[in-house]
Amino acid sequence: MVNKLSQNDFSSAIANGVSVVDFNATWCGPCKMLGPILEEVSNEMDGVNFYAVDVDENPDLAKEYKIMSIPAVGVFKDGNLQEMNVGLVPKDALVSFINNNK
């Protein structure tokens, strides 16, 4: 399951373990296409937390992580950004990206 995060709960949610964060917006076509892929991957991966952040509702987070294009997917480990991937990617590429950075 992919849970929504806001500025208020972001830091505490990603503080422990591995977290995958999808930075997106409701108007973004590629974001809408990535959503179901992330949901599917979240149901298949154990030990990884999945979150979504709407950049329009949370502009300070978008600024903090220098989100210039969406969708942008970041892998965080114990609160620290490991790597960011920008753009729509197929499921197998997304799984590899997460596995390589967790």
Protein backbone atom coordinates (compact mmCIF):
# COMPACT_ATOMS: atom_id res chain seq x y z
CA MET A 1 0.00 0.00 0.00
CA VAL A 2 1.15 3.51 -0.84
CA ASN A 3 0.29 5.97 1.94
CA LYS A 4 -0.02 9.71 1.45
CA LEU A 5 2.38 11.93 3.35
CA SER A 6 2.40 15.62 4.08
CA GLN A 7 5.03 18.04 5.31
CA ASN A 8 3.88 17.39 8.90
CA ASP A 9 4.44 13.62 8.95
CA PHE A 10 7.17 13.19 6.33
CA SER A 11 10.27 13.13 8.55
CA SER A 12 8.84 10.75 11.13
CA ALA A 13 7.44 8.39 8.46
CA ILE A 14 10.76 7.93 6.65
CA ALA A 15 12.97 8.01 9.76
CA ASN A 16 13.44 4.24 10.10
CA GLY A 17 14.09 1.57 7.52
CA VAL A 18 13.74 1.85 3.76
CA SER A 19 11.09 4.13 2.30
CA VAL A 20 10.15 4.79 -1.30
CA VAL A 21 8.58 8.22 -1.83
CA ASP A 22 6.69 9.15 -4.98
CA PHE A 23 6.64 12.92 -5.50
CA ASN A 24 3.67 13.62 -7.79
CA ALA A 25 0.70 15.85 -8.61
CA THR A 26 -2.92 15.12 -9.46
CA TRP A 27 -2.67 16.86 -12.86
CA CYS A 28 0.42 14.89 -13.97
CA GLY A 29 -0.32 12.21 -16.59
CA PRO A 30 2.86 10.16 -16.07
CA CYS A 31 2.24 10.33 -12.30
CA LYS A 32 -1.19 8.78 -12.81
CA MET A 33 0.40 6.00 -14.86
CA LEU A 34 3.10 5.36 -12.23
CA GLY A 35 0.62 5.18 -9.34
CA PRO A 36 -0.72 1.67 -10.09
CA ILE A 37 2.81 0.39 -10.75
CA LEU A 38 3.97 1.67 -7.34
CA GLU A 39 0.90 0.16 -5.70
CA GLU A 40 1.67 -3.22 -7.27
CA VAL A 41 5.34 -3.08 -6.27
CA SER A 42 4.40 -2.03 -2.72
CA ASN A 43 2.27 -5.17 -2.38
CA GLU A 44 5.12 -7.38 -3.58
CA MET A 45 8.06 -5.93 -1.60
CA ASP A 46 8.52 -6.77 2.05
CA GLY A 47 10.43 -4.52 4.42
CA VAL A 48 9.97 -1.37 2.32
CA ASN A 49 7.52 1.44 3.08
CA PHE A 50 5.84 3.24 0.17
CA TYR A 51 4.59 6.81 0.31
CA ALA A 52 3.22 9.49 -2.02
CA VAL A 53 3.70 13.24 -1.65
CA ASP A 54 1.65 15.71 -3.69
CA VAL A 55 4.11 18.47 -4.60
CA ASP A 56 1.32 21.05 -5.02
CA GLU A 57 0.08 20.41 -1.47
CA ASN A 58 3.63 20.19 -0.05
CA PRO A 59 5.78 22.75 -1.90
CA ASP A 60 8.34 22.96 0.92
CA LEU A 61 9.13 19.24 0.57
CA ALA A 62 9.41 19.61 -3.20
CA LYS A 63 11.83 22.49 -2.70
CA GLU A 64 13.84 20.66 -0.03
CA TYR A 65 14.42 17.69 -2.33
CA LYS A 66 14.87 19.85 -5.43
CA ILE A 67 11.94 18.30 -7.29
CA MET A 68 11.92 20.02 -10.69
CA SER A 69 10.14 17.31 -12.69
CA ILE A 70 7.56 14.72 -11.71
CA PRO A 71 7.04 11.92 -11.15
CA ALA A 72 10.16 11.69 -9.03
CA VAL A 73 10.73 8.61 -6.89
CA GLY A 74 13.21 8.74 -4.04
CA VAL A 75 14.59 5.87 -1.99
CA PHE A 76 15.30 6.85 1.61
CA LYS A 77 17.17 4.78 4.17
CA ASP A 78 16.75 5.76 7.82
CA GLY A 79 15.63 9.22 6.73
CA ASN A 80 18.49 9.84 4.28
CA LEU A 81 17.92 10.13 0.55
CA GLN A 82 19.87 7.43 -1.27
CA GLU A 83 18.91 8.27 -4.84
CA MET A 84 16.16 9.94 -6.87
CA ASN A 85 14.73 8.70 -10.16
CA VAL A 86 12.78 11.12 -12.34
CA GLY A 87 10.19 10.11 -14.91
CA LEU A 88 7.90 7.21 -15.65
CA VAL A 89 9.69 3.85 -15.62
CA PRO A 90 8.43 0.32 -16.20
CA LYS A 91 7.86 -1.95 -13.22
CA ASP A 92 11.06 -4.00 -13.62
CA ALA A 93 13.19 -0.85 -13.79
CA LEU A 94 11.46 0.54 -10.69
CA VAL A 95 12.05 -2.69 -8.76
CA SER A 96 15.74 -2.68 -9.77
CA PHE A 97 16.10 0.98 -8.78
CA ILE A 98 14.63 0.28 -5.34
CA ASN A 99 16.68 -2.89 -4.80
CA ASN A 100 19.90 -1.13 -5.81
CA ASN A 101 19.33 1.64 -3.27
CA LYS A 102 17.87 -0.04 -0.22
